């Protein structure tokens, strides 16, 4: 894994420290990696939306039928399963300490 060093004003460093403690991250690196993963996902979603809009403008029309909806549902279920697997892998990739802190925070926040 590569190391990256950044300079931050004190106010941002304090903010990150609070986020790490209150959101159940094991350390600052886990927090930053999480932010970067979210940014990657957002960029990917934005690219997909751009491609979909371009396709709507230039693509040919397709008939909407019962078989179309069945195929669409099957494809959506497959994507959902893949996403759940990625989420599980990400969860298992976190340190046990951060998982415990996250669960403890949920327990403490419960009424």
N, C-alpha and C. Protein backbone atom coordinates (compact mmCIF):
# COMPACT_ATOMS: atom_id res chain seq x y z
N UNK A 1 0.85 -1.17 0.00
CA UNK A 1 0.00 0.00 0.00
C UNK A 1 0.90 1.23 0.00
N UNK A 2 0.50 2.24 -0.76
CA UNK A 2 1.26 3.47 -0.88
C UNK A 2 0.88 4.44 0.23
N UNK A 3 1.85 5.20 0.70
CA UNK A 3 1.61 6.21 1.72
C UNK A 3 1.54 7.58 1.06
N UNK A 4 0.55 8.37 1.48
CA UNK A 4 0.37 9.73 0.98
C UNK A 4 0.36 10.66 2.19
N UNK A 5 1.11 11.74 2.10
CA UNK A 5 1.15 12.72 3.18
C UNK A 5 0.45 13.99 2.70
N UNK A 6 -0.43 14.53 3.53
CA UNK A 6 -1.13 15.77 3.18
C UNK A 6 -1.00 16.77 4.33
N UNK A 7 -1.09 18.04 3.99
CA UNK A 7 -1.08 19.11 4.99
C UNK A 7 -2.50 19.61 5.17
N UNK A 8 -2.91 19.76 6.43
CA UNK A 8 -4.25 20.22 6.74
C UNK A 8 -4.19 21.32 7.79
N UNK A 9 -5.14 22.25 7.73
CA UNK A 9 -5.23 23.20 8.83
C UNK A 9 -5.72 22.46 10.08
N UNK A 10 -5.44 23.03 11.21
CA UNK A 10 -5.80 22.40 12.49
C UNK A 10 -7.29 22.08 12.58
N UNK A 11 -8.13 22.97 12.05
CA UNK A 11 -9.58 22.75 12.14
C UNK A 11 -10.00 21.47 11.40
N UNK A 12 -9.39 21.21 10.24
CA UNK A 12 -9.72 19.98 9.50
C UNK A 12 -9.17 18.74 10.20
N UNK A 13 -7.98 18.85 10.77
CA UNK A 13 -7.42 17.72 11.51
C UNK A 13 -8.33 17.35 12.68
N UNK A 14 -8.81 18.36 13.40
CA UNK A 14 -9.72 18.10 14.52
C UNK A 14 -11.02 17.49 14.03
N UNK A 15 -11.54 17.98 12.90
CA UNK A 15 -12.76 17.43 12.33
C UNK A 15 -12.57 15.95 12.00
N UNK A 16 -11.47 15.62 11.37
CA UNK A 16 -11.20 14.22 11.00
C UNK A 16 -11.09 13.36 12.25
N UNK A 17 -10.41 13.85 13.26
CA UNK A 17 -10.29 13.08 14.51
C UNK A 17 -11.67 12.78 15.11
N UNK A 18 -12.56 13.80 15.11
CA UNK A 18 -13.92 13.58 15.63
C UNK A 18 -14.67 12.55 14.78
N UNK A 19 -14.53 12.66 13.46
CA UNK A 19 -15.20 11.71 12.56
C UNK A 19 -14.72 10.29 12.82
N UNK A 20 -13.42 10.12 12.98
CA UNK A 20 -12.85 8.79 13.25
C UNK A 20 -13.44 8.23 14.54
N UNK A 21 -13.50 9.04 15.57
CA UNK A 21 -13.99 8.57 16.86
C UNK A 21 -15.49 8.31 16.85
N UNK A 22 -16.26 9.18 16.21
CA UNK A 22 -17.72 9.06 16.30
C UNK A 22 -18.32 8.14 15.24
N UNK A 23 -17.62 7.90 14.15
CA UNK A 23 -18.17 7.08 13.06
C UNK A 23 -17.64 5.64 13.08
N UNK A 24 -16.80 5.31 14.06
CA UNK A 24 -16.36 3.92 14.21
C UNK A 24 -15.19 3.51 13.34
N UNK A 25 -14.46 4.44 12.80
CA UNK A 25 -13.27 4.09 12.03
C UNK A 25 -12.14 3.75 12.98
N UNK A 26 -11.27 2.85 12.58
CA UNK A 26 -10.15 2.45 13.42
C UNK A 26 -9.05 3.50 13.45
N UNK A 27 -8.91 4.24 12.35
CA UNK A 27 -7.88 5.27 12.28
C UNK A 27 -8.18 6.22 11.13
N UNK A 28 -7.35 7.24 10.98
CA UNK A 28 -7.56 8.26 9.96
C UNK A 28 -7.48 7.65 8.56
N UNK A 29 -6.58 6.70 8.36
CA UNK A 29 -6.43 6.08 7.04
C UNK A 29 -7.73 5.40 6.60
N UNK A 30 -8.37 4.68 7.50
CA UNK A 30 -9.64 4.03 7.17
C UNK A 30 -10.69 5.07 6.78
N UNK A 31 -10.73 6.17 7.50
CA UNK A 31 -11.68 7.25 7.21
C UNK A 31 -11.44 7.82 5.82
N UNK A 32 -10.20 8.14 5.50
CA UNK A 32 -9.88 8.73 4.21
C UNK A 32 -10.15 7.74 3.09
N UNK A 33 -9.80 6.48 3.28
CA UNK A 33 -10.11 5.46 2.26
C UNK A 33 -11.61 5.38 2.01
N UNK A 34 -12.40 5.46 3.07
CA UNK A 34 -13.86 5.46 2.92
C UNK A 34 -14.35 6.64 2.10
N UNK A 35 -13.80 7.82 2.37
CA UNK A 35 -14.17 9.01 1.60
C UNK A 35 -13.80 8.84 0.13
N UNK A 36 -12.63 8.28 -0.12
CA UNK A 36 -12.19 8.08 -1.50
C UNK A 36 -13.07 7.06 -2.22
N UNK A 37 -13.46 6.00 -1.53
CA UNK A 37 -14.37 5.02 -2.14
C UNK A 37 -15.71 5.66 -2.50
N UNK A 38 -16.21 6.49 -1.60
CA UNK A 38 -17.47 7.19 -1.88
C UNK A 38 -17.32 8.11 -3.09
N UNK A 39 -16.19 8.81 -3.19
CA UNK A 39 -15.94 9.70 -4.34
C UNK A 39 -15.84 8.89 -5.63
N UNK A 40 -15.20 7.73 -5.57
CA UNK A 40 -15.11 6.86 -6.75
C UNK A 40 -16.49 6.42 -7.19
N UNK A 41 -17.31 6.00 -6.24
CA UNK A 41 -18.66 5.54 -6.56
C UNK A 41 -19.49 6.67 -7.17
N UNK A 42 -19.35 7.87 -6.60
CA UNK A 42 -20.08 9.02 -7.12
C UNK A 42 -19.65 9.35 -8.55
N UNK A 43 -18.34 9.30 -8.81
CA UNK A 43 -17.83 9.57 -10.15
C UNK A 43 -18.32 8.51 -11.13
N UNK A 44 -18.34 7.27 -10.69
CA UNK A 44 -18.82 6.18 -11.53
C UNK A 44 -20.31 6.36 -11.86
N UNK A 45 -21.09 6.71 -10.85
CA UNK A 45 -22.52 6.95 -11.06
C UNK A 45 -22.75 8.11 -12.03
N UNK A 46 -21.94 9.16 -11.88
CA UNK A 46 -22.06 10.32 -12.75
C UNK A 46 -21.74 9.95 -14.19
N UNK A 47 -20.70 9.15 -14.37
CA UNK A 47 -20.32 8.71 -15.72
C UNK A 47 -21.43 7.86 -16.32
N UNK A 48 -21.99 6.95 -15.53
CA UNK A 48 -23.09 6.11 -16.01
C UNK A 48 -24.28 6.96 -16.41
N UNK A 49 -24.62 7.96 -15.60
CA UNK A 49 -25.74 8.83 -15.93
C UNK A 49 -25.49 9.57 -17.25
N UNK A 50 -24.26 10.05 -17.43
CA UNK A 50 -23.91 10.73 -18.68
C UNK A 50 -24.07 9.80 -19.88
N UNK A 51 -23.60 8.57 -19.73
CA UNK A 51 -23.73 7.59 -20.82
C UNK A 51 -25.19 7.25 -21.10
N UNK A 52 -25.98 7.12 -20.04
CA UNK A 52 -27.39 6.81 -20.22
C UNK A 52 -28.12 7.94 -20.94
N UNK A 53 -27.83 9.16 -20.54
CA UNK A 53 -28.45 10.31 -21.21
C UNK A 53 -28.03 10.40 -22.67
N UNK A 54 -26.76 10.15 -22.95
CA UNK A 54 -26.29 10.16 -24.33
C UNK A 54 -26.99 9.05 -25.13
N UNK A 55 -27.16 7.90 -24.51
CA UNK A 55 -27.85 6.79 -25.17
C UNK A 55 -29.29 7.11 -25.48
N UNK A 56 -29.94 7.82 -24.54
CA UNK A 56 -31.33 8.22 -24.78
C UNK A 56 -31.44 9.18 -25.96
N UNK A 57 -30.45 10.03 -26.11
CA UNK A 57 -30.48 11.01 -27.19
C UNK A 57 -30.16 10.39 -28.55
N UNK A 58 -29.30 9.39 -28.57
CA UNK A 58 -28.83 8.85 -29.85
C UNK A 58 -29.27 7.42 -30.12
N UNK A 59 -29.74 6.73 -29.09
CA UNK A 59 -30.06 5.32 -29.24
C UNK A 59 -31.38 5.08 -29.97
N UNK A 60 -31.53 3.85 -30.39
CA UNK A 60 -32.77 3.48 -31.06
C UNK A 60 -33.80 3.07 -30.01
N UNK A 61 -35.04 3.21 -30.34
CA UNK A 61 -36.11 2.80 -29.44
C UNK A 61 -36.21 1.28 -29.43
N UNK A 62 -36.59 0.75 -28.28
CA UNK A 62 -36.83 -0.69 -28.19
C UNK A 62 -38.26 -0.90 -27.68
N UNK A 63 -38.88 -1.97 -28.14
CA UNK A 63 -40.24 -2.22 -27.66
C UNK A 63 -40.21 -2.68 -26.19
N UNK A 64 -41.14 -2.19 -25.42
CA UNK A 64 -41.26 -2.58 -24.02
C UNK A 64 -42.33 -3.67 -23.94
N UNK A 65 -41.89 -4.84 -23.50
CA UNK A 65 -42.79 -5.99 -23.43
C UNK A 65 -42.60 -6.68 -22.09
N UNK A 66 -43.39 -7.70 -21.84
CA UNK A 66 -43.25 -8.47 -20.60
C UNK A 66 -41.87 -9.11 -20.52
N UNK A 67 -41.36 -9.62 -21.64
CA UNK A 67 -40.03 -10.24 -21.61
C UNK A 67 -38.94 -9.20 -21.31
N UNK A 68 -39.11 -7.98 -21.81
CA UNK A 68 -38.16 -6.91 -21.50
C UNK A 68 -38.09 -6.70 -19.99
N UNK A 69 -39.26 -6.59 -19.34
CA UNK A 69 -39.28 -6.35 -17.90
C UNK A 69 -38.69 -7.53 -17.13
N UNK A 70 -38.96 -8.77 -17.58
CA UNK A 70 -38.38 -9.94 -16.92
C UNK A 70 -36.85 -9.90 -17.00
N UNK A 71 -36.33 -9.61 -18.19
CA UNK A 71 -34.88 -9.55 -18.38
C UNK A 71 -34.27 -8.42 -17.55
N UNK A 72 -34.96 -7.31 -17.48
CA UNK A 72 -34.47 -6.18 -16.70
C UNK A 72 -34.42 -6.54 -15.21
N UNK A 73 -35.44 -7.23 -14.71
CA UNK A 73 -35.46 -7.64 -13.30
C UNK A 73 -34.32 -8.61 -13.00
N UNK A 74 -34.08 -9.55 -13.90
CA UNK A 74 -32.99 -10.52 -13.70
C UNK A 74 -31.65 -9.79 -13.64
N UNK A 75 -31.43 -8.87 -14.57
CA UNK A 75 -30.19 -8.11 -14.59
C UNK A 75 -30.03 -7.27 -13.32
N UNK A 76 -31.12 -6.66 -12.87
CA UNK A 76 -31.07 -5.84 -11.65
C UNK A 76 -30.76 -6.69 -10.43
N UNK A 77 -31.34 -7.87 -10.35
CA UNK A 77 -31.06 -8.76 -9.21
C UNK A 77 -29.58 -9.17 -9.20
N UNK A 78 -29.02 -9.47 -10.37
CA UNK A 78 -27.61 -9.85 -10.45
C UNK A 78 -26.72 -8.71 -9.97
N UNK A 79 -27.05 -7.49 -10.39
CA UNK A 79 -26.26 -6.33 -9.96
C UNK A 79 -26.36 -6.13 -8.45
N UNK A 80 -27.57 -6.33 -7.91
CA UNK A 80 -27.77 -6.17 -6.48
C UNK A 80 -26.95 -7.19 -5.70
N UNK A 81 -26.94 -8.42 -6.16
CA UNK A 81 -26.16 -9.47 -5.49
C UNK A 81 -24.68 -9.10 -5.51
N UNK A 82 -24.17 -8.64 -6.65
CA UNK A 82 -22.76 -8.24 -6.73
C UNK A 82 -22.46 -7.11 -5.76
N UNK A 83 -23.38 -6.15 -5.66
CA UNK A 83 -23.18 -5.02 -4.77
C UNK A 83 -23.16 -5.49 -3.32
N UNK A 84 -24.05 -6.40 -2.96
CA UNK A 84 -24.08 -6.92 -1.59
C UNK A 84 -22.77 -7.63 -1.27
N UNK A 85 -22.22 -8.37 -2.23
CA UNK A 85 -20.96 -9.06 -2.02
C UNK A 85 -19.84 -8.06 -1.78
N UNK A 86 -19.82 -6.96 -2.58
CA UNK A 86 -18.80 -5.92 -2.39
C UNK A 86 -18.93 -5.29 -1.02
N UNK A 87 -20.16 -5.05 -0.58
CA UNK A 87 -20.38 -4.44 0.73
C UNK A 87 -19.88 -5.38 1.83
N UNK A 88 -20.19 -6.67 1.69
CA UNK A 88 -19.72 -7.63 2.70
C UNK A 88 -18.20 -7.68 2.73
N UNK A 89 -17.56 -7.68 1.55
CA UNK A 89 -16.10 -7.72 1.51
C UNK A 89 -15.51 -6.47 2.14
N UNK A 90 -16.12 -5.31 1.87
CA UNK A 90 -15.62 -4.06 2.45
C UNK A 90 -15.75 -4.12 3.97
N UNK A 91 -16.89 -4.65 4.45
CA UNK A 91 -17.11 -4.75 5.90
C UNK A 91 -16.07 -5.66 6.53
N UNK A 92 -15.80 -6.80 5.90
CA UNK A 92 -14.84 -7.74 6.46
C UNK A 92 -13.41 -7.23 6.34
N UNK A 93 -13.19 -6.28 5.45
CA UNK A 93 -11.86 -5.71 5.29
C UNK A 93 -11.51 -4.70 6.38
N UNK A 94 -12.50 -4.21 7.09
CA UNK A 94 -12.24 -3.27 8.16
C UNK A 94 -11.64 -3.99 9.36
N UNK A 95 -10.96 -3.25 10.19
CA UNK A 95 -10.40 -3.85 11.38
C UNK A 95 -11.52 -4.25 12.34
N UNK A 96 -11.26 -5.25 13.12
CA UNK A 96 -12.25 -5.68 14.11
C UNK A 96 -12.56 -4.56 15.09
N UNK A 97 -11.54 -3.77 15.39
CA UNK A 97 -11.74 -2.65 16.33
C UNK A 97 -12.76 -1.66 15.76
N UNK A 98 -12.61 -1.31 14.48
CA UNK A 98 -13.53 -0.32 13.90
C UNK A 98 -14.94 -0.90 13.80
N UNK A 99 -15.05 -2.20 13.52
CA UNK A 99 -16.38 -2.82 13.48
C UNK A 99 -17.02 -2.77 14.86
N UNK A 100 -16.25 -3.08 15.89
CA UNK A 100 -16.78 -3.03 17.25
C UNK A 100 -17.21 -1.62 17.61
N UNK A 101 -16.37 -0.63 17.27
CA UNK A 101 -16.71 0.76 17.58
C UNK A 101 -17.98 1.18 16.85
N UNK A 102 -18.12 0.75 15.61
CA UNK A 102 -19.32 1.08 14.84
C UNK A 102 -20.56 0.48 15.51
N UNK A 103 -20.48 -0.79 15.87
CA UNK A 103 -21.61 -1.45 16.50
C UNK A 103 -21.91 -0.83 17.87
N UNK A 104 -20.86 -0.48 18.61
CA UNK A 104 -21.05 0.15 19.91
C UNK A 104 -21.75 1.50 19.75
N UNK A 105 -21.38 2.25 18.69
CA UNK A 105 -22.01 3.53 18.44
C UNK A 105 -23.49 3.37 18.12
N UNK A 106 -23.83 2.32 17.37
CA UNK A 106 -25.24 2.05 17.08
C UNK A 106 -26.01 1.71 18.34
N UNK A 107 -25.38 0.92 19.20
CA UNK A 107 -26.01 0.52 20.44
C UNK A 107 -26.24 1.74 21.35
N UNK A 108 -25.21 2.60 21.42
CA UNK A 108 -25.30 3.79 22.28
C UNK A 108 -26.34 4.77 21.75
N UNK A 109 -26.52 4.81 20.42
CA UNK A 109 -27.46 5.76 19.82
C UNK A 109 -28.91 5.28 19.91
N UNK A 110 -29.08 3.99 20.18
CA UNK A 110 -30.44 3.44 20.24
C UNK A 110 -31.20 4.03 21.43
N UNK A 111 -32.52 4.28 21.25
CA UNK A 111 -33.29 4.87 22.36
C UNK A 111 -33.48 3.92 23.51
